[in-house]
């Protein structure tokens, strides 16, 4: 059973930076894509960034140029570096995995959600 644990959230002022981490366990993640999603209060969960098994990356337009996703294949972890944070980035951030080695990973293929980590950006 896949187990995902996010960490690194917190309170930061607008313009600041945070790095989120997600540790995946419960199986080997060879051939898996990993990603980050977020859910703001009263809104649906939205895609933020993903990294495929081959290392390809994809970002939501709202975070492109500010966020960077990376993964450690040996440690089965995925990180999300977030810079120039804005109040609209405030949300619970979730890690997820997708059991595919394709370079095209539909959002719906992501599952096995972690418990989330809160990011709050003050203005």
C-alpha atoms as a PDB file:
ATOM      1  CA  UNK A   1       0.000   0.000   0.000  1.00  0.00           C
ATOM      2  CA  UNK A   2       1.335   3.367  -1.042  1.00  0.00           C
ATOM      3  CA  UNK A   3       2.005   5.791   1.775  1.00  0.00           C
ATOM      4  CA  UNK A   4       2.842   9.440   1.108  1.00  0.00           C
ATOM      5  CA  UNK A   5       3.969  11.920   3.751  1.00  0.00           C
ATOM      6  CA  UNK A   6       4.295  15.603   2.935  1.00  0.00           C
ATOM      7  CA  UNK A   7       6.313  18.095   4.953  1.00  0.00           C
ATOM      8  CA  UNK A   8       7.708  21.591   4.730  1.00  0.00           C
ATOM      9  CA  UNK A   9       4.586  23.685   4.811  1.00  0.00           C
ATOM     10  CA  UNK A  10       4.252  26.771   6.958  1.00  0.00           C
ATOM     11  CA  UNK A  11       3.532  30.464   7.134  1.00  0.00           C
ATOM     12  CA  UNK A  12       5.535  32.763   4.901  1.00  0.00           C
ATOM     13  CA  UNK A  13       5.266  36.369   3.803  1.00  0.00           C
ATOM     14  CA  UNK A  14       4.462  37.243   0.233  1.00  0.00           C
ATOM     15  CA  UNK A  15       7.580  37.085  -1.878  1.00  0.00           C
ATOM     16  CA  UNK A  16       9.115  34.409   0.292  1.00  0.00           C
ATOM     17  CA  UNK A  17      10.061  30.819  -0.429  1.00  0.00           C
ATOM     18  CA  UNK A  18       9.277  27.366   0.875  1.00  0.00           C
ATOM     19  CA  UNK A  19      10.324  23.872  -0.107  1.00  0.00           C
ATOM     20  CA  UNK A  20       7.878  21.025   0.271  1.00  0.00           C
ATOM     21  CA  UNK A  21       8.974  17.409   0.452  1.00  0.00           C
ATOM     22  CA  UNK A  22       7.090  14.171   0.023  1.00  0.00           C
ATOM     23  CA  UNK A  23       8.363  10.779   1.069  1.00  0.00           C
ATOM     24  CA  UNK A  24       6.776   7.813  -0.652  1.00  0.00           C
ATOM     25  CA  UNK A  25       6.833   4.304   0.771  1.00  0.00           C
ATOM     26  CA  UNK A  26       4.974   1.019   0.643  1.00  0.00           C
ATOM     27  CA  UNK A  27       6.277  -0.251  -2.668  1.00  0.00           C
ATOM     28  CA  UNK A  28       8.933   0.435  -5.244  1.00  0.00           C
ATOM     29  CA  UNK A  29       8.175   3.451  -7.381  1.00  0.00           C
ATOM     30  CA  UNK A  30       9.971   2.382 -10.486  1.00  0.00           C
ATOM     31  CA  UNK A  31       7.978   3.632 -13.437  1.00  0.00           C
ATOM     32  CA  UNK A  32       5.861   6.041 -11.408  1.00  0.00           C
ATOM     33  CA  UNK A  33       5.194   9.697 -12.014  1.00  0.00           C
ATOM     34  CA  UNK A  34       4.985  11.966  -8.958  1.00  0.00           C
ATOM     35  CA  UNK A  35       3.148  15.198  -8.542  1.00  0.00           C
ATOM     36  CA  UNK A  36       1.826  17.989  -6.391  1.00  0.00           C
ATOM     37  CA  UNK A  37      -1.699  19.313  -6.169  1.00  0.00           C
ATOM     38  CA  UNK A  38      -3.226  21.960  -3.931  1.00  0.00           C
ATOM     39  CA  UNK A  39      -6.604  22.812  -2.500  1.00  0.00           C
ATOM     40  CA  UNK A  40      -7.518  26.259  -1.300  1.00  0.00           C
ATOM     41  CA  UNK A  41     -10.426  26.752   1.116  1.00  0.00           C
ATOM     42  CA  UNK A  42     -13.731  26.352  -0.652  1.00  0.00           C
ATOM     43  CA  UNK A  43     -12.122  25.305  -3.911  1.00  0.00           C
ATOM     44  CA  UNK A  44     -11.428  22.092  -5.726  1.00  0.00           C
ATOM     45  CA  UNK A  45      -8.064  20.401  -5.685  1.00  0.00           C
ATOM     46  CA  UNK A  46      -5.918  21.734  -8.526  1.00  0.00           C
ATOM     47  CA  UNK A  47      -2.852  20.454 -10.294  1.00  0.00           C
ATOM     48  CA  UNK A  48       0.406  22.239  -9.435  1.00  0.00           C
ATOM     49  CA  UNK A  49       3.312  20.276 -10.893  1.00  0.00           C
ATOM     50  CA  UNK A  50       4.366  16.798 -11.947  1.00  0.00           C
ATOM     51  CA  UNK A  51       7.526  14.948 -12.823  1.00  0.00           C
ATOM     52  CA  UNK A  52       7.438  11.845 -14.960  1.00  0.00           C
ATOM     53  CA  UNK A  53       9.495   8.707 -14.568  1.00  0.00           C
ATOM     54  CA  UNK A  54      11.845   9.974 -17.293  1.00  0.00           C
ATOM     55  CA  UNK A  55      12.247  13.308 -15.515  1.00  0.00           C
ATOM     56  CA  UNK A  56       9.985  15.424 -17.647  1.00  0.00           C
ATOM     57  CA  UNK A  57       8.231  18.215 -15.778  1.00  0.00           C
ATOM     58  CA  UNK A  58       4.908  19.950 -16.156  1.00  0.00           C
ATOM     59  CA  UNK A  59       3.594  22.990 -14.305  1.00  0.00           C
ATOM     60  CA  UNK A  60       0.322  24.785 -13.907  1.00  0.00           C
ATOM     61  CA  UNK A  61       0.447  28.160 -15.613  1.00  0.00           C
ATOM     62  CA  UNK A  62      -0.060  29.901 -12.287  1.00  0.00           C
ATOM     63  CA  UNK A  63       3.205  28.556 -10.863  1.00  0.00           C
ATOM     64  CA  UNK A  64       5.378  28.328 -13.955  1.00  0.00           C
ATOM     65  CA  UNK A  65       8.652  30.151 -13.423  1.00  0.00           C
ATOM     66  CA  UNK A  66       8.189  30.259  -9.651  1.00  0.00           C
ATOM     67  CA  UNK A  67       7.950  26.602  -8.628  1.00  0.00           C
ATOM     68  CA  UNK A  68      10.370  23.768  -9.395  1.00  0.00           C
ATOM     69  CA  UNK A  69       9.601  20.092  -8.949  1.00  0.00           C
ATOM     70  CA  UNK A  70      12.341  17.510  -8.520  1.00  0.00           C
ATOM     71  CA  UNK A  71      12.629  13.913  -7.390  1.00  0.00           C
ATOM     72  CA  UNK A  72      15.141  11.617  -5.793  1.00  0.00           C
ATOM     73  CA  UNK A  73      14.671   8.240  -7.433  1.00  0.00           C
ATOM     74  CA  UNK A  74      16.720   6.344  -4.888  1.00  0.00           C
ATOM     75  CA  UNK A  75      14.908   7.841  -1.909  1.00  0.00           C
ATOM     76  CA  UNK A  76      11.461   7.892  -3.535  1.00  0.00           C
ATOM     77  CA  UNK A  77      10.956  11.508  -2.633  1.00  0.00           C
ATOM     78  CA  UNK A  78       9.632  14.447  -4.560  1.00  0.00           C
ATOM     79  CA  UNK A  79      10.259  18.079  -3.700  1.00  0.00           C
ATOM     80  CA  UNK A  80       8.564  21.299  -4.664  1.00  0.00           C
ATOM     81  CA  UNK A  81      10.623  24.465  -4.419  1.00  0.00           C
ATOM     82  CA  UNK A  82       8.343  27.476  -4.272  1.00  0.00           C
ATOM     83  CA  UNK A  83       9.615  31.003  -4.806  1.00  0.00           C
ATOM     84  CA  UNK A  84       7.966  34.429  -5.014  1.00  0.00           C
ATOM     85  CA  UNK A  85       5.010  33.097  -3.105  1.00  0.00           C
ATOM     86  CA  UNK A  86       1.779  35.060  -3.218  1.00  0.00           C
ATOM     87  CA  UNK A  87      -1.348  34.969  -1.055  1.00  0.00           C
ATOM     88  CA  UNK A  88      -3.172  33.084  -3.816  1.00  0.00           C
ATOM     89  CA  UNK A  89      -0.723  30.214  -3.295  1.00  0.00           C
ATOM     90  CA  UNK A  90      -2.256  29.617   0.130  1.00  0.00           C
ATOM     91  CA  UNK A  91      -3.624  26.072   0.172  1.00  0.00           C
ATOM     92  CA  UNK A  92      -3.135  22.577   1.462  1.00  0.00           C
ATOM     93  CA  UNK A  93      -0.552  20.952  -0.779  1.00  0.00           C
ATOM     94  CA  UNK A  94      -0.858  17.251  -1.555  1.00  0.00           C
ATOM     95  CA  UNK A  95       1.598  14.789  -2.988  1.00  0.00           C
ATOM     96  CA  UNK A  96       0.380  12.045  -5.310  1.00  0.00           C
ATOM     97  CA  UNK A  97       1.751   9.336  -7.547  1.00  0.00           C
ATOM     98  CA  UNK A  98       0.668   7.843 -10.843  1.00  0.00           C
ATOM     99  CA  UNK A  99       1.525   4.299 -11.835  1.00  0.00           C
ATOM    100  CA  UNK A 100       2.788   5.088 -15.297  1.00  0.00           C
ATOM    101  CA  UNK A 101       6.156   5.579 -16.965  1.00  0.00           C
ATOM    102  CA  UNK A 102       4.596   7.546 -19.781  1.00  0.00           C
ATOM    103  CA  UNK A 103       5.629  11.108 -20.471  1.00  0.00           C
ATOM    104  CA  UNK A 104       1.931  11.929 -20.688  1.00  0.00           C
ATOM    105  CA  UNK A 105       0.151  11.567 -17.364  1.00  0.00           C
ATOM    106  CA  UNK A 106      -3.480  12.652 -17.124  1.00  0.00           C
ATOM    107  CA  UNK A 107      -4.316  14.369 -13.858  1.00  0.00           C
ATOM    108  CA  UNK A 108      -6.920  11.674 -13.175  1.00  0.00           C
ATOM    109  CA  UNK A 109      -4.178   9.035 -13.068  1.00  0.00           C
ATOM    110  CA  UNK A 110      -2.739  10.525  -9.893  1.00  0.00           C
ATOM    111  CA  UNK A 111      -3.844   8.943  -6.652  1.00  0.00           C
ATOM    112  CA  UNK A 112      -2.688   7.604  -3.309  1.00  0.00           C
ATOM    113  CA  UNK A 113      -2.862  11.060  -1.771  1.00  0.00           C
ATOM    114  CA  UNK A 114      -0.884  12.092   1.254  1.00  0.00           C
ATOM    115  CA  UNK A 115      -2.403  13.918   4.212  1.00  0.00           C
ATOM    116  CA  UNK A 116      -1.326  17.295   2.883  1.00  0.00           C
ATOM    117  CA  UNK A 117       0.746  20.142   4.259  1.00  0.00           C
ATOM    118  CA  UNK A 118      -0.590  23.646   4.816  1.00  0.00           C
ATOM    119  CA  UNK A 119       1.042  26.581   3.068  1.00  0.00           C
ATOM    120  CA  UNK A 120      -0.111  30.030   4.147  1.00  0.00           C
ATOM    121  CA  UNK A 121       1.190  33.146   2.443  1.00  0.00           C
ATOM    122  CA  UNK A 122       0.503  36.423   4.197  1.00  0.00           C
ATOM    123  CA  UNK A 123       0.251  39.697   2.317  1.00  0.00           C
END
